[in-house]
Amino acid sequence: MMNYYKKSEKAFKEYIKNNPQCTKEEWDKFAQENYLFSAFTLAAHKNASSFEELKRKIMKSFI
């Protein structure tokens, strides 16, 4: 069974790595087109209160 959270988190890391100045709306559009979790869902899993905090938390775990 596919784990869509892990797939979305990995894709988010790569997307942010390639587009560090992206916005929540840009990610949500990309996520919808590629059947991934939205920024809101990822933030809920990471307990982040903003998109910028989400980016910091996910990239911190990426390093």
C-alpha atoms as a PDB file:
ATOM      1  CA  MET A   1       0.000   0.000   0.000  1.00  0.00           C
ATOM      2  CA  MET A   2       1.313   3.444  -0.923  1.00  0.00           C
ATOM      3  CA  ASN A   3       1.959   5.952   1.848  1.00  0.00           C
ATOM      4  CA  TYR A   4       0.731   9.251   0.371  1.00  0.00           C
ATOM      5  CA  TYR A   5       2.066  11.290   3.297  1.00  0.00           C
ATOM      6  CA  LYS A   6       5.645  10.112   2.756  1.00  0.00           C
ATOM      7  CA  LYS A   7       5.279  10.552  -1.006  1.00  0.00           C
ATOM      8  CA  SER A   8       3.961  14.099  -0.480  1.00  0.00           C
ATOM      9  CA  GLU A   9       6.664  14.980   2.034  1.00  0.00           C
ATOM     10  CA  LYS A  10       9.421  13.778  -0.307  1.00  0.00           C
ATOM     11  CA  ALA A  11       7.934  15.711  -3.233  1.00  0.00           C
ATOM     12  CA  PHE A  12       7.586  18.817  -1.025  1.00  0.00           C
ATOM     13  CA  LYS A  13      11.276  18.627  -0.062  1.00  0.00           C
ATOM     14  CA  GLU A  14      12.319  18.434  -3.699  1.00  0.00           C
ATOM     15  CA  TYR A  15       9.916  21.200  -4.719  1.00  0.00           C
ATOM     16  CA  ILE A  16      11.203  23.543  -1.993  1.00  0.00           C
ATOM     17  CA  LYS A  17      14.795  22.645  -2.799  1.00  0.00           C
ATOM     18  CA  ASN A  18      14.229  23.703  -6.419  1.00  0.00           C
ATOM     19  CA  ASN A  19      11.902  26.656  -5.610  1.00  0.00           C
ATOM     20  CA  PRO A  20      12.840  28.046  -2.167  1.00  0.00           C
ATOM     21  CA  GLN A  21      10.687  31.175  -2.639  1.00  0.00           C
ATOM     22  CA  CYS A  22       7.507  29.338  -3.634  1.00  0.00           C
ATOM     23  CA  THR A  23       4.187  30.194  -2.072  1.00  0.00           C
ATOM     24  CA  LYS A  24       1.529  28.038  -0.478  1.00  0.00           C
ATOM     25  CA  GLU A  25      -0.686  28.513  -3.518  1.00  0.00           C
ATOM     26  CA  GLU A  26       2.057  27.335  -5.892  1.00  0.00           C
ATOM     27  CA  TRP A  27       2.611  24.190  -3.828  1.00  0.00           C
ATOM     28  CA  ASP A  28      -1.130  23.505  -3.556  1.00  0.00           C
ATOM     29  CA  LYS A  29      -1.520  23.784  -7.331  1.00  0.00           C
ATOM     30  CA  PHE A  30       1.444  21.435  -7.902  1.00  0.00           C
ATOM     31  CA  ALA A  31       0.133  19.033  -5.249  1.00  0.00           C
ATOM     32  CA  GLN A  32      -3.337  18.928  -6.762  1.00  0.00           C
ATOM     33  CA  GLU A  33      -1.955  18.234 -10.233  1.00  0.00           C
ATOM     34  CA  ASN A  34       0.228  15.409  -8.880  1.00  0.00           C
ATOM     35  CA  TYR A  35      -2.204  13.853  -6.361  1.00  0.00           C
ATOM     36  CA  LEU A  36      -0.197  14.941  -3.308  1.00  0.00           C
ATOM     37  CA  PHE A  37      -1.210  16.357   0.064  1.00  0.00           C
ATOM     38  CA  SER A  38      -1.844  20.083   0.326  1.00  0.00           C
ATOM     39  CA  ALA A  39       0.258  22.464   2.398  1.00  0.00           C
ATOM     40  CA  PHE A  40      -2.483  22.512   5.036  1.00  0.00           C
ATOM     41  CA  THR A  41      -2.382  18.730   5.458  1.00  0.00           C
ATOM     42  CA  LEU A  42       1.422  18.645   5.613  1.00  0.00           C
ATOM     43  CA  ALA A  43       1.414  21.495   8.140  1.00  0.00           C
ATOM     44  CA  ALA A  44      -1.073  19.616  10.310  1.00  0.00           C
ATOM     45  CA  HIS A  45       1.199  16.566  10.348  1.00  0.00           C
ATOM     46  CA  LYS A  46       4.254  18.691  11.222  1.00  0.00           C
ATOM     47  CA  ASN A  47       2.348  20.881  13.716  1.00  0.00           C
ATOM     48  CA  ALA A  48       3.286  24.030  11.785  1.00  0.00           C
ATOM     49  CA  SER A  49       1.198  27.179  12.003  1.00  0.00           C
ATOM     50  CA  SER A  50       2.335  28.778   8.739  1.00  0.00           C
ATOM     51  CA  PHE A  51       3.701  27.801   5.352  1.00  0.00           C
ATOM     52  CA  GLU A  52       7.089  29.327   6.169  1.00  0.00           C
ATOM     53  CA  GLU A  53       7.278  27.304   9.382  1.00  0.00           C
ATOM     54  CA  LEU A  54       6.341  24.177   7.411  1.00  0.00           C
ATOM     55  CA  LYS A  55       9.166  24.831   4.959  1.00  0.00           C
ATOM     56  CA  ARG A  56      11.647  25.268   7.826  1.00  0.00           C
ATOM     57  CA  LYS A  57      10.521  22.115   9.632  1.00  0.00           C
ATOM     58  CA  ILE A  58      10.554  19.893   6.567  1.00  0.00           C
ATOM     59  CA  MET A  59      13.862  21.218   5.254  1.00  0.00           C
ATOM     60  CA  LYS A  60      15.374  20.818   8.733  1.00  0.00           C
ATOM     61  CA  SER A  61      14.518  17.117   8.625  1.00  0.00           C
ATOM     62  CA  PHE A  62      15.922  16.950   5.087  1.00  0.00           C
ATOM     63  CA  ILE A  63      19.455  18.018   6.108  1.00  0.00           C
END
